Every structure is written in structure tokens, then in C-alpha cells.
Amino acid sequence: MKKIIKYVIADILRNKIVLAYTAFLLVISLSVFNIEDNAGKGLLSLLNIILIIVPLVAVVFSTIYIYNSAEFIELLVSQPLRRKKIWISLFAGLSGSLSLAFFAGAGIPVMLYAPGATGLIMIVVGIFLSIIFVAIAMLAAVTTRDKAKGIGISILLWLYFSLLFDGLVVFILFQFQDYPLEKAMIAVSGLNPIDLGRILILLKMDISAMMGYTGAVFKDFFGTGTGFTISLLVMCCWMIVPTWLSLRKFNRKDL
């Protein structure tokens, strides 16, 4: 299992796409912090880039990698190895390498320019999002044999979580504006890991005052130790559940 993980990590870290992704994050991060006059504004500018680019690269790259590694996976399955170990090793290799690329590209500049609690949470959220969307990508890839269809499913899921979900929430709030839905939005936010990460970072930056009464409700919940712990557990569930579902499908799949 360790040998498979090491091979996958070494193979991905040599990939030109991952190297370009790391270099892009590094250039953007350094540019943002050097342009802005304080670290807080730099983190705020970097936030939107992390919430959009990191999930997109993780989900698309991971889906393509799984399809391109089909022959390698078939070779491993033909060996006296349990399918569970093979799939978990691929997941660990993909998530580990992409998390390392994110940390090298964005995490190190954040630690240098904003070495506080907010910067640490941003790094943790970025790593969590990398792992979560690797899990989602593997679920999409194992669902269908068609490479184009699998990549399409991955991109649609990214579009839903990054763009469409917020639109649906705003539509629901507009339609039921006469009802007190602010507390219900706390539960709804857990259905989207990107929104959950955004809320955690914005509340730590103390910008919740700009969000009105809803922001106050979020701050009362997520600002407490219990709320913060629950939100991290929800994000862990977003890593575990798609991985478990993809593992079940892989175990039953006829290669």
C-alpha cells in the first residue's frame, strides 16, 4: 500500500500540470500580498481564487488521472492485492500530492505574509477542499466508463458547488423571505463544502458584520468552539462519504 502511494505521489508531482498549478498559485499569492497594503486584504483577495481554482483543478485533474491510469489499476487488481487497498492508495496519493502542491503554492506565502489564525484556517480549508474534490472526482470516475462523461460529471459538480448552489440558496431566501430562515441556512451551508470553507474564513476575518442578521447568526454558531468543531467534522464527512461510495462501486465494478 505504501509503495502504491509513493508511486502515485511521485508520478503526480512530476506532472507538468501539477507543477504549473503550483507555480500559478505561488505567483498569484505573492502578487496579491505584495499589491495589497495589509495582510487582511491580501487574504480576502486570495480567498476567491482558492475557493474557485483549487476545487476545479482537484476535481478535473483527479478524474483525468483515474481514467488515464485504467491499465495501471487493472494491473494492480490482477495482483494479490485487495481492491480496498488499491483504491485507498490511489486516493491517498492523489489527495496528498494535490494538498502538497496547494501548500507549496499558496500555503507557504500565507504563512510568510499572514502567520495568524486566519491564515492557518485558510490553509486548512484549502487542503480540505483539495481532498474533498479528489474524493468527488474518484466517485465520478468510477461511476461511468466513458471518460468524456466522467469529466463532464466532475465539471458539473464543480459548477454546482461553486456557482449554482449559491444561486439556489438566494432563490429560496427570496421566495420565503417572510419566514425566519437564517438558522436553517446554517444547516444548508453544510451541504456545500465550498460555502462552509468561505463562512469559516470570513467569520475569522470578522467580516460577518457586513452580512447583516444572517452573518450574526453564523457568527453565533460558527464563531463558537462547538460550531467550529462541528463544521470541521462536516468537512471530514465530505471527505469520507464520497470516498466510501466510490470504494463500494470500485469493489463491485467489473474491470
C-alpha atoms as a PDB file:
ATOM      1  CA  MET A   1       0.000   0.000   0.000  1.00  0.00           C
ATOM      2  CA  LYS A   2       2.815   2.406   0.887  1.00  0.00           C
ATOM      3  CA  LYS A   3       4.604   1.614  -2.370  1.00  0.00           C
ATOM      4  CA  ILE A   4       1.478   2.458  -4.404  1.00  0.00           C
ATOM      5  CA  ILE A   5       1.030   5.752  -2.531  1.00  0.00           C
ATOM      6  CA  LYS A   6       4.687   6.702  -3.049  1.00  0.00           C
ATOM      7  CA  TYR A   7       4.476   5.831  -6.748  1.00  0.00           C
ATOM      8  CA  VAL A   8       1.293   7.866  -7.268  1.00  0.00           C
ATOM      9  CA  ILE A   9       2.680  10.893  -5.388  1.00  0.00           C
ATOM     10  CA  ALA A  10       5.993  10.768  -7.264  1.00  0.00           C
ATOM     11  CA  ASP A  11       4.186  10.371 -10.590  1.00  0.00           C
ATOM     12  CA  ILE A  12       1.823  13.296  -9.948  1.00  0.00           C
ATOM     13  CA  LEU A  13       4.467  15.672  -8.576  1.00  0.00           C
ATOM     14  CA  ARG A  14       6.407  15.215 -11.837  1.00  0.00           C
ATOM     15  CA  ASN A  15       3.308  16.062 -13.866  1.00  0.00           C
ATOM     16  CA  LYS A  16       3.611  19.365 -15.745  1.00  0.00           C
ATOM     17  CA  ILE A  17       0.003  20.296 -14.973  1.00  0.00           C
ATOM     18  CA  VAL A  18       0.598  19.995 -11.224  1.00  0.00           C
ATOM     19  CA  LEU A  19       3.853  21.932 -11.485  1.00  0.00           C
ATOM     20  CA  ALA A  20       2.068  24.674 -13.456  1.00  0.00           C
ATOM     21  CA  TYR A  21      -0.759  24.671 -10.873  1.00  0.00           C
ATOM     22  CA  THR A  22       1.745  25.109  -8.040  1.00  0.00           C
ATOM     23  CA  ALA A  23       3.592  27.877  -9.897  1.00  0.00           C
ATOM     24  CA  PHE A  24       0.290  29.644 -10.689  1.00  0.00           C
ATOM     25  CA  LEU A  25      -0.788  29.625  -7.032  1.00  0.00           C
ATOM     26  CA  LEU A  26       2.643  30.816  -5.952  1.00  0.00           C
ATOM     27  CA  VAL A  27       2.723  33.724  -8.414  1.00  0.00           C
ATOM     28  CA  ILE A  28      -0.855  34.764  -7.597  1.00  0.00           C
ATOM     29  CA  SER A  29      -0.285  34.548  -3.840  1.00  0.00           C
ATOM     30  CA  LEU A  30       2.931  36.557  -3.894  1.00  0.00           C
ATOM     31  CA  SER A  31       1.400  39.122  -6.238  1.00  0.00           C
ATOM     32  CA  VAL A  32      -1.717  39.576  -4.075  1.00  0.00           C
ATOM     33  CA  PHE A  33       0.233  40.050  -0.852  1.00  0.00           C
ATOM     34  CA  ASN A  34       2.694  42.469  -2.448  1.00  0.00           C
ATOM     35  CA  ILE A  35      -0.019  44.566  -4.120  1.00  0.00           C
ATOM     36  CA  GLU A  36      -2.294  44.937  -1.074  1.00  0.00           C
ATOM     37  CA  ASP A  37      -1.246  47.275   1.719  1.00  0.00           C
ATOM     38  CA  ASN A  38      -2.083  44.800   4.529  1.00  0.00           C
ATOM     39  CA  ALA A  39      -2.277  41.043   5.021  1.00  0.00           C
ATOM     40  CA  GLY A  40      -6.049  41.054   5.667  1.00  0.00           C
ATOM     41  CA  LYS A  41      -6.839  42.482   2.239  1.00  0.00           C
ATOM     42  CA  GLY A  42      -4.394  40.039   0.699  1.00  0.00           C
ATOM     43  CA  LEU A  43      -6.156  37.082   2.328  1.00  0.00           C
ATOM     44  CA  LEU A  44      -9.533  38.382   1.182  1.00  0.00           C
ATOM     45  CA  SER A  45      -8.300  38.708  -2.410  1.00  0.00           C
ATOM     46  CA  LEU A  46      -6.725  35.255  -2.284  1.00  0.00           C
ATOM     47  CA  LEU A  47      -9.883  33.708  -0.807  1.00  0.00           C
ATOM     48  CA  ASN A  48     -11.954  33.780  -4.010  1.00  0.00           C
ATOM     49  CA  ILE A  49      -9.066  32.341  -6.032  1.00  0.00           C
ATOM     50  CA  ILE A  50      -8.654  29.447  -3.599  1.00  0.00           C
ATOM     51  CA  LEU A  51     -12.386  28.707  -3.450  1.00  0.00           C
ATOM     52  CA  ILE A  52     -12.676  28.552  -7.263  1.00  0.00           C
ATOM     53  CA  ILE A  53      -9.327  27.326  -8.626  1.00  0.00           C
ATOM     54  CA  VAL A  54      -8.411  24.698  -6.012  1.00  0.00           C
ATOM     55  CA  PRO A  55     -11.651  22.637  -6.310  1.00  0.00           C
ATOM     56  CA  LEU A  56     -11.622  22.956 -10.123  1.00  0.00           C
ATOM     57  CA  VAL A  57      -8.060  21.692 -10.522  1.00  0.00           C
ATOM     58  CA  ALA A  58      -8.551  18.939  -7.928  1.00  0.00           C
ATOM     59  CA  VAL A  59     -11.740  17.546  -9.470  1.00  0.00           C
ATOM     60  CA  VAL A  60     -10.703  17.758 -13.139  1.00  0.00           C
ATOM     61  CA  PHE A  61      -7.112  16.557 -12.695  1.00  0.00           C
ATOM     62  CA  SER A  62      -8.124  13.665 -10.432  1.00  0.00           C
ATOM     63  CA  THR A  63     -10.845  12.487 -12.827  1.00  0.00           C
ATOM     64  CA  ILE A  64      -8.483  12.527 -15.805  1.00  0.00           C
ATOM     65  CA  TYR A  65      -5.742  10.798 -13.788  1.00  0.00           C
ATOM     66  CA  ILE A  66      -8.042   7.928 -12.775  1.00  0.00           C
ATOM     67  CA  TYR A  67      -9.110   7.355 -16.391  1.00  0.00           C
ATOM     68  CA  ASN A  68      -5.532   7.563 -17.683  1.00  0.00           C
ATOM     69  CA  SER A  69      -4.427   5.077 -15.004  1.00  0.00           C
ATOM     70  CA  ALA A  70      -7.004   2.457 -16.026  1.00  0.00           C
ATOM     71  CA  GLU A  71      -4.361  -0.014 -17.273  1.00  0.00           C
ATOM     72  CA  PHE A  72      -2.247   0.512 -14.140  1.00  0.00           C
ATOM     73  CA  ILE A  73      -5.308  -0.093 -11.939  1.00  0.00           C
ATOM     74  CA  GLU A  74      -6.153  -3.266 -13.882  1.00  0.00           C
ATOM     75  CA  LEU A  75      -2.582  -4.474 -13.384  1.00  0.00           C
ATOM     76  CA  LEU A  76      -2.824  -3.869  -9.634  1.00  0.00           C
ATOM     77  CA  VAL A  77      -6.184  -5.659  -9.447  1.00  0.00           C
ATOM     78  CA  SER A  78      -4.648  -8.704 -11.160  1.00  0.00           C
ATOM     79  CA  GLN A  79      -2.088  -8.911  -8.348  1.00  0.00           C
ATOM     80  CA  PRO A  80      -2.834 -10.476  -4.940  1.00  0.00           C
ATOM     81  CA  LEU A  81      -3.948  -7.123  -3.560  1.00  0.00           C
ATOM     82  CA  ARG A  82      -7.281  -6.194  -2.053  1.00  0.00           C
ATOM     83  CA  ARG A  83      -9.263  -3.695  -4.100  1.00  0.00           C
ATOM     84  CA  LYS A  84      -9.837  -1.625  -0.976  1.00  0.00           C
ATOM     85  CA  LYS A  85      -6.099  -1.092  -0.504  1.00  0.00           C
ATOM     86  CA  ILE A  86      -5.630  -0.179  -4.179  1.00  0.00           C
ATOM     87  CA  TRP A  87      -8.413   2.416  -4.189  1.00  0.00           C
ATOM     88  CA  ILE A  88      -7.451   3.945  -0.828  1.00  0.00           C
ATOM     89  CA  SER A  89      -3.836   4.135  -2.015  1.00  0.00           C
ATOM     90  CA  LEU A  90      -4.880   5.993  -5.164  1.00  0.00           C
ATOM     91  CA  PHE A  91      -6.993   8.364  -3.074  1.00  0.00           C
ATOM     92  CA  ALA A  92      -4.172   8.972  -0.600  1.00  0.00           C
ATOM     93  CA  GLY A  93      -1.671   9.563  -3.410  1.00  0.00           C
ATOM     94  CA  LEU A  94      -3.906  11.994  -5.290  1.00  0.00           C
ATOM     95  CA  SER A  95      -5.065  13.932  -2.243  1.00  0.00           C
ATOM     96  CA  GLY A  96      -1.572  14.007  -0.728  1.00  0.00           C
ATOM     97  CA  SER A  97       0.130  15.293  -3.878  1.00  0.00           C
ATOM     98  CA  LEU A  98      -2.516  17.956  -4.635  1.00  0.00           C
ATOM     99  CA  SER A  99      -2.529  19.081  -0.991  1.00  0.00           C
ATOM    100  CA  LEU A 100       1.260  19.353  -1.123  1.00  0.00           C
ATOM    101  CA  ALA A 101       1.025  21.361  -4.361  1.00  0.00           C
ATOM    102  CA  PHE A 102      -1.508  23.718  -2.749  1.00  0.00           C
ATOM    103  CA  PHE A 103       0.622  24.144   0.355  1.00  0.00           C
ATOM    104  CA  ALA A 104       3.739  24.892  -1.695  1.00  0.00           C
ATOM    105  CA  GLY A 105       1.908  27.327  -3.961  1.00  0.00           C
ATOM    106  CA  ALA A 106      -0.420  29.138  -1.553  1.00  0.00           C
ATOM    107  CA  GLY A 107       0.242  27.830   1.947  1.00  0.00           C
ATOM    108  CA  ILE A 108       3.856  28.989   2.248  1.00  0.00           C
ATOM    109  CA  PRO A 109       3.122  32.595   1.096  1.00  0.00           C
ATOM    110  CA  VAL A 110       0.157  32.749   3.501  1.00  0.00           C
ATOM    111  CA  MET A 111       2.396  31.588   6.364  1.00  0.00           C
ATOM    112  CA  LEU A 112       5.002  34.209   5.461  1.00  0.00           C
ATOM    113  CA  TYR A 113       2.680  37.199   4.982  1.00  0.00           C
ATOM    114  CA  ALA A 114      -0.234  36.326   7.320  1.00  0.00           C
ATOM    115  CA  PRO A 115       1.088  33.986  10.021  1.00  0.00           C
ATOM    116  CA  GLY A 116      -2.025  34.171  12.179  1.00  0.00           C
ATOM    117  CA  ALA A 117      -5.125  32.145  12.940  1.00  0.00           C
ATOM    118  CA  THR A 118      -6.912  33.392   9.806  1.00  0.00           C
ATOM    119  CA  GLY A 119      -4.041  32.354   7.568  1.00  0.00           C
ATOM    120  CA  LEU A 120      -3.882  28.937   9.227  1.00  0.00           C
ATOM    121  CA  ILE A 121      -7.621  28.380   8.703  1.00  0.00           C
ATOM    122  CA  MET A 122      -7.275  29.387   5.043  1.00  0.00           C
ATOM    123  CA  ILE A 123      -4.514  26.805   4.574  1.00  0.00           C
ATOM    124  CA  VAL A 124      -6.578  24.116   6.329  1.00  0.00           C
ATOM    125  CA  VAL A 125      -9.666  24.948   4.226  1.00  0.00           C
ATOM    126  CA  GLY A 126      -7.609  24.821   1.017  1.00  0.00           C
ATOM    127  CA  ILE A 127      -6.188  21.401   1.913  1.00  0.00           C
ATOM    128  CA  PHE A 128      -9.636  20.124   2.920  1.00  0.00           C
ATOM    129  CA  LEU A 129     -11.138  21.309  -0.380  1.00  0.00           C
ATOM    130  CA  SER A 130      -8.341  19.588  -2.310  1.00  0.00           C
ATOM    131  CA  ILE A 131      -9.051  16.282  -0.558  1.00  0.00           C
ATOM    132  CA  ILE A 132     -12.852  16.641  -0.796  1.00  0.00           C
ATOM    133  CA  PHE A 133     -12.846  17.263  -4.537  1.00  0.00           C
ATOM    134  CA  VAL A 134     -10.396  14.415  -5.120  1.00  0.00           C
ATOM    135  CA  ALA A 135     -12.957  12.168  -3.397  1.00  0.00           C
ATOM    136  CA  ILE A 136     -15.772  13.606  -5.537  1.00  0.00           C
ATOM    137  CA  ALA A 137     -13.692  13.121  -8.695  1.00  0.00           C
ATOM    138  CA  MET A 138     -12.971   9.480  -7.876  1.00  0.00           C
ATOM    139  CA  LEU A 139     -16.681   8.875  -7.317  1.00  0.00           C
ATOM    140  CA  ALA A 140     -17.471  10.436 -10.690  1.00  0.00           C
ATOM    141  CA  ALA A 141     -14.730   8.445 -12.439  1.00  0.00           C
ATOM    142  CA  VAL A 142     -15.798   5.079 -11.034  1.00  0.00           C
ATOM    143  CA  THR A 143     -19.457   5.727 -11.865  1.00  0.00           C
ATOM    144  CA  THR A 144     -19.010   5.544 -15.647  1.00  0.00           C
ATOM    145  CA  ARG A 145     -16.507   4.009 -18.078  1.00  0.00           C
ATOM    146  CA  ASP A 146     -16.909   6.883 -20.554  1.00  0.00           C
ATOM    147  CA  LYS A 147     -14.041   9.312 -19.979  1.00  0.00           C
ATOM    148  CA  ALA A 148     -15.818  12.305 -21.521  1.00  0.00           C
ATOM    149  CA  LYS A 149     -18.942  11.617 -19.483  1.00  0.00           C
ATOM    150  CA  GLY A 150     -16.929  11.243 -16.277  1.00  0.00           C
ATOM    151  CA  ILE A 151     -15.087  14.520 -16.827  1.00  0.00           C
ATOM    152  CA  GLY A 152     -18.400  16.194 -17.660  1.00  0.00           C
ATOM    153  CA  ILE A 153     -19.943  14.941 -14.405  1.00  0.00           C
ATOM    154  CA  SER A 154     -16.955  16.271 -12.451  1.00  0.00           C
ATOM    155  CA  ILE A 155     -17.183  19.717 -14.056  1.00  0.00           C
ATOM    156  CA  LEU A 156     -20.945  19.850 -13.479  1.00  0.00           C
ATOM    157  CA  LEU A 157     -20.443  19.007  -9.813  1.00  0.00           C
ATOM    158  CA  TRP A 158     -17.844  21.766  -9.520  1.00  0.00           C
ATOM    159  CA  LEU A 159     -20.220  24.226 -11.205  1.00  0.00           C
ATOM    160  CA  TYR A 160     -22.991  23.217  -8.821  1.00  0.00           C
ATOM    161  CA  PHE A 161     -20.919  23.650  -5.668  1.00  0.00           C
ATOM    162  CA  SER A 162     -19.100  26.820  -6.746  1.00  0.00           C
ATOM    163  CA  LEU A 163     -21.847  28.725  -8.598  1.00  0.00           C
ATOM    164  CA  LEU A 164     -25.301  27.113  -8.806  1.00  0.00           C
ATOM    165  CA  PHE A 165     -25.670  26.286  -5.112  1.00  0.00           C
ATOM    166  CA  ASP A 166     -25.441  29.925  -4.052  1.00  0.00           C
ATOM    167  CA  GLY A 167     -27.991  30.869  -6.694  1.00  0.00           C
ATOM    168  CA  LEU A 168     -30.418  28.240  -5.414  1.00  0.00           C
ATOM    169  CA  VAL A 169     -29.972  29.433  -1.823  1.00  0.00           C
ATOM    170  CA  VAL A 170     -30.618  33.052  -2.812  1.00  0.00           C
ATOM    171  CA  PHE A 171     -33.721  31.960  -4.769  1.00  0.00           C
ATOM    172  CA  ILE A 172     -35.082  30.068  -1.745  1.00  0.00           C
ATOM    173  CA  LEU A 173     -34.404  33.008   0.561  1.00  0.00           C
ATOM    174  CA  PHE A 174     -36.162  35.347  -1.864  1.00  0.00           C
ATOM    175  CA  GLN A 175     -39.190  33.088  -2.219  1.00  0.00           C
ATOM    176  CA  PHE A 176     -39.550  32.587   1.546  1.00  0.00           C
ATOM    177  CA  GLN A 177     -38.345  35.993   2.690  1.00  0.00           C
ATOM    178  CA  ASP A 178     -41.298  36.331   5.079  1.00  0.00           C
ATOM    179  CA  TYR A 179     -40.102  33.343   7.103  1.00  0.00           C
ATOM    180  CA  PRO A 180     -37.148  33.249   9.535  1.00  0.00           C
ATOM    181  CA  LEU A 181     -34.768  31.026   7.565  1.00  0.00           C
ATOM    182  CA  GLU A 182     -31.482  32.349   8.942  1.00  0.00           C
ATOM    183  CA  LYS A 183     -30.936  29.425  11.318  1.00  0.00           C
ATOM    184  CA  ALA A 184     -31.971  26.946   8.625  1.00  0.00           C
ATOM    185  CA  MET A 185     -29.180  28.400   6.459  1.00  0.00           C
ATOM    186  CA  ILE A 186     -26.665  27.072   8.981  1.00  0.00           C
ATOM    187  CA  ALA A 187     -27.736  23.511   8.142  1.00  0.00           C
ATOM    188  CA  VAL A 188     -27.938  24.297   4.409  1.00  0.00           C
ATOM    189  CA  SER A 189     -24.372  25.645   4.412  1.00  0.00           C
ATOM    190  CA  GLY A 190     -23.167  22.187   5.451  1.00  0.00           C
ATOM    191  CA  LEU A 191     -24.413  20.821   2.123  1.00  0.00           C
ATOM    192  CA  ASN A 192     -21.678  22.723   0.282  1.00  0.00           C
ATOM    193  CA  PRO A 193     -18.026  22.379   1.397  1.00  0.00           C
ATOM    194  CA  ILE A 194     -17.012  25.495  -0.546  1.00  0.00           C
ATOM    195  CA  ASP A 195     -19.608  27.644   1.220  1.00  0.00           C
ATOM    196  CA  LEU A 196     -18.648  26.125   4.549  1.00  0.00           C
ATOM    197  CA  GLY A 197     -14.997  26.982   3.995  1.00  0.00           C
ATOM    198  CA  ARG A 198     -15.889  30.514   2.895  1.00  0.00           C
ATOM    199  CA  ILE A 199     -18.000  31.105   6.013  1.00  0.00           C
ATOM    200  CA  LEU A 200     -15.260  29.852   8.345  1.00  0.00           C
ATOM    201  CA  ILE A 201     -12.639  32.143   6.802  1.00  0.00           C
ATOM    202  CA  LEU A 202     -14.871  35.234   6.586  1.00  0.00           C
ATOM    203  CA  LEU A 203     -16.012  34.864  10.187  1.00  0.00           C
ATOM    204  CA  LYS A 204     -12.402  34.527  11.338  1.00  0.00           C
ATOM    205  CA  MET A 205     -11.614  37.734   9.412  1.00  0.00           C
ATOM    206  CA  ASP A 206     -14.515  39.374  11.325  1.00  0.00           C
ATOM    207  CA  ILE A 207     -16.338  40.475   8.154  1.00  0.00           C
ATOM    208  CA  SER A 208     -19.594  38.902   9.334  1.00  0.00           C
ATOM    209  CA  ALA A 209     -20.836  42.362  10.335  1.00  0.00           C
ATOM    210  CA  MET A 210     -21.209  43.123   6.618  1.00  0.00           C
ATOM    211  CA  MET A 211     -23.534  40.108   6.255  1.00  0.00           C
ATOM    212  CA  GLY A 212     -26.306  41.606   8.407  1.00  0.00           C
ATOM    213  CA  TYR A 213     -28.515  39.473  10.645  1.00  0.00           C
ATOM    214  CA  THR A 214     -27.582  36.280   8.796  1.00  0.00           C
ATOM    215  CA  GLY A 215     -23.926  36.997   9.483  1.00  0.00           C
ATOM    216  CA  ALA A 216     -24.717  37.474  13.171  1.00  0.00           C
ATOM    217  CA  VAL A 217     -26.472  34.087  13.257  1.00  0.00           C
ATOM    218  CA  PHE A 218     -23.492  32.443  11.532  1.00  0.00           C
ATOM    219  CA  LYS A 219     -21.106  34.122  13.973  1.00  0.00           C
ATOM    220  CA  ASP A 220     -23.116  32.932  16.985  1.00  0.00           C
ATOM    221  CA  PHE A 221     -22.808  29.334  15.736  1.00  0.00           C
ATOM    222  CA  PHE A 222     -19.564  29.036  13.760  1.00  0.00           C
ATOM    223  CA  GLY A 223     -17.760  31.543  15.985  1.00  0.00           C
ATOM    224  CA  THR A 224     -18.008  29.241  18.988  1.00  0.00           C
ATOM    225  CA  GLY A 225     -15.682  26.340  19.649  1.00  0.00           C
ATOM    226  CA  THR A 226     -18.523  23.855  19.268  1.00  0.00           C
ATOM    227  CA  GLY A 227     -19.663  25.343  15.959  1.00  0.00           C
ATOM    228  CA  PHE A 228     -16.120  25.371  14.592  1.00  0.00           C
ATOM    229  CA  THR A 229     -15.613  21.738  15.617  1.00  0.00           C
ATOM    230  CA  ILE A 230     -18.917  20.692  14.016  1.00  0.00           C
ATOM    231  CA  SER A 231     -18.019  22.479  10.778  1.00  0.00           C
ATOM    232  CA  LEU A 232     -14.667  20.642  10.630  1.00  0.00           C
ATOM    233  CA  LEU A 233     -16.470  17.348  11.258  1.00  0.00           C
ATOM    234  CA  VAL A 234     -18.891  18.138   8.409  1.00  0.00           C
ATOM    235  CA  MET A 235     -15.952  18.779   6.091  1.00  0.00           C
ATOM    236  CA  CYS A 236     -14.427  15.474   7.208  1.00  0.00           C
ATOM    237  CA  CYS A 237     -17.720  13.804   6.283  1.00  0.00           C
ATOM    238  CA  TRP A 238     -17.401  15.371   2.832  1.00  0.00           C
ATOM    239  CA  MET A 239     -14.054  13.587   2.524  1.00  0.00           C
ATOM    240  CA  ILE A 240     -15.206  10.241   3.913  1.00  0.00           C
ATOM    241  CA  VAL A 241     -18.652   9.747   2.339  1.00  0.00           C
ATOM    242  CA  PRO A 242     -17.698  10.178  -1.375  1.00  0.00           C
ATOM    243  CA  THR A 243     -14.597   8.031  -0.795  1.00  0.00           C
ATOM    244  CA  TRP A 244     -16.702   5.295   0.813  1.00  0.00           C
ATOM    245  CA  LEU A 245     -19.265   5.403  -2.001  1.00  0.00           C
ATOM    246  CA  SER A 246     -16.567   5.241  -4.692  1.00  0.00           C
ATOM    247  CA  LEU A 247     -14.890   2.363  -2.845  1.00  0.00           C
ATOM    248  CA  ARG A 248     -18.158   0.394  -2.819  1.00  0.00           C
ATOM    249  CA  LYS A 249     -18.596   0.965  -6.547  1.00  0.00           C
ATOM    250  CA  PHE A 250     -14.968   0.022  -7.261  1.00  0.00           C
ATOM    251  CA  ASN A 251     -15.262  -3.201  -5.252  1.00  0.00           C
ATOM    252  CA  ARG A 252     -18.317  -4.241  -7.318  1.00  0.00           C
ATOM    253  CA  LYS A 253     -17.076  -2.957 -10.661  1.00  0.00           C
ATOM    254  CA  ASP A 254     -16.203  -5.400 -13.425  1.00  0.00           C
ATOM    255  CA  LEU A 255     -12.901  -4.196 -14.843  1.00  0.00           C
END
